[in-house]
């Protein structure tokens, strides 16, 4: 399974560009602390930035 494409401006920061698109910047992914599928809110206070490896372990 390939990497998930960011779906919103909140996840990308800029329309169409993934966070960390520059080779000199780290790549971060937005994760919901309480999953949306389990009733968690889509609010900034329920989000954390994770590196792809940590996000894969959590998901």
C-alpha atoms as a PDB file:
ATOM      1  CA  UNK A   1       0.000   0.000   0.000  1.00  0.00           C
ATOM      2  CA  UNK A   2       1.447   3.384  -1.001  1.00  0.00           C
ATOM      3  CA  UNK A   3       1.631   6.556   1.020  1.00  0.00           C
ATOM      4  CA  UNK A   4      -1.665   8.298   1.592  1.00  0.00           C
ATOM      5  CA  UNK A   5      -2.080  11.533  -0.371  1.00  0.00           C
ATOM      6  CA  UNK A   6      -2.908  14.510   1.883  1.00  0.00           C
ATOM      7  CA  UNK A   7      -6.572  15.416   1.570  1.00  0.00           C
ATOM      8  CA  UNK A   8      -6.774  18.918   2.988  1.00  0.00           C
ATOM      9  CA  UNK A   9      -4.885  22.203   3.195  1.00  0.00           C
ATOM     10  CA  UNK A  10      -4.439  21.528   6.925  1.00  0.00           C
ATOM     11  CA  UNK A  11      -2.463  18.386   6.114  1.00  0.00           C
ATOM     12  CA  UNK A  12      -0.419  19.952   3.337  1.00  0.00           C
ATOM     13  CA  UNK A  13       0.025  23.524   4.560  1.00  0.00           C
ATOM     14  CA  UNK A  14      -0.135  24.677   0.935  1.00  0.00           C
ATOM     15  CA  UNK A  15      -2.586  23.384  -1.651  1.00  0.00           C
ATOM     16  CA  UNK A  16      -0.972  20.542  -3.580  1.00  0.00           C
ATOM     17  CA  UNK A  17       2.353  20.404  -1.712  1.00  0.00           C
ATOM     18  CA  UNK A  18       3.083  17.842   0.975  1.00  0.00           C
ATOM     19  CA  UNK A  19       4.643  19.060   4.207  1.00  0.00           C
ATOM     20  CA  UNK A  20       8.397  18.779   3.896  1.00  0.00           C
ATOM     21  CA  UNK A  21       8.327  18.826   0.090  1.00  0.00           C
ATOM     22  CA  UNK A  22      11.758  20.449   0.106  1.00  0.00           C
ATOM     23  CA  UNK A  23      14.653  17.992   0.390  1.00  0.00           C
ATOM     24  CA  UNK A  24      16.094  20.076   3.240  1.00  0.00           C
ATOM     25  CA  UNK A  25      12.968  19.940   5.430  1.00  0.00           C
ATOM     26  CA  UNK A  26      11.621  16.996   7.449  1.00  0.00           C
ATOM     27  CA  UNK A  27       8.464  15.272   6.250  1.00  0.00           C
ATOM     28  CA  UNK A  28       5.658  15.323   8.802  1.00  0.00           C
ATOM     29  CA  UNK A  29       2.187  13.840   8.683  1.00  0.00           C
ATOM     30  CA  UNK A  30      -0.863  15.000  10.608  1.00  0.00           C
ATOM     31  CA  UNK A  31      -2.423  12.363  12.846  1.00  0.00           C
ATOM     32  CA  UNK A  32      -5.637  12.571  14.842  1.00  0.00           C
ATOM     33  CA  UNK A  33      -5.025  11.683  18.504  1.00  0.00           C
ATOM     34  CA  UNK A  34      -8.554  10.243  18.742  1.00  0.00           C
ATOM     35  CA  UNK A  35      -9.313   8.699  15.343  1.00  0.00           C
ATOM     36  CA  UNK A  36     -11.994  10.341  13.226  1.00  0.00           C
ATOM     37  CA  UNK A  37     -13.449   6.883  12.553  1.00  0.00           C
ATOM     38  CA  UNK A  38     -13.925   6.436  16.302  1.00  0.00           C
ATOM     39  CA  UNK A  39     -15.724   9.744  16.758  1.00  0.00           C
ATOM     40  CA  UNK A  40     -12.717  11.987  17.258  1.00  0.00           C
ATOM     41  CA  UNK A  41     -13.085  15.629  16.228  1.00  0.00           C
ATOM     42  CA  UNK A  42     -11.368  17.123  13.197  1.00  0.00           C
ATOM     43  CA  UNK A  43      -9.967  19.970  15.301  1.00  0.00           C
ATOM     44  CA  UNK A  44      -6.410  21.278  15.703  1.00  0.00           C
ATOM     45  CA  UNK A  45      -6.266  20.310  19.396  1.00  0.00           C
ATOM     46  CA  UNK A  46      -6.887  16.657  18.347  1.00  0.00           C
ATOM     47  CA  UNK A  47      -3.967  16.625  15.874  1.00  0.00           C
ATOM     48  CA  UNK A  48      -0.275  15.907  16.202  1.00  0.00           C
ATOM     49  CA  UNK A  49       2.567  15.955  13.682  1.00  0.00           C
ATOM     50  CA  UNK A  50       4.398  12.643  13.295  1.00  0.00           C
ATOM     51  CA  UNK A  51       7.211  11.419  11.093  1.00  0.00           C
ATOM     52  CA  UNK A  52       6.004   8.819   8.570  1.00  0.00           C
ATOM     53  CA  UNK A  53       7.562   5.918  10.545  1.00  0.00           C
ATOM     54  CA  UNK A  54       5.868   6.882  13.818  1.00  0.00           C
ATOM     55  CA  UNK A  55       2.591   7.519  12.013  1.00  0.00           C
ATOM     56  CA  UNK A  56       2.723   4.053  10.454  1.00  0.00           C
ATOM     57  CA  UNK A  57       3.335   2.493  13.871  1.00  0.00           C
ATOM     58  CA  UNK A  58       0.426   4.378  15.426  1.00  0.00           C
ATOM     59  CA  UNK A  59      -1.967   3.649  12.571  1.00  0.00           C
END
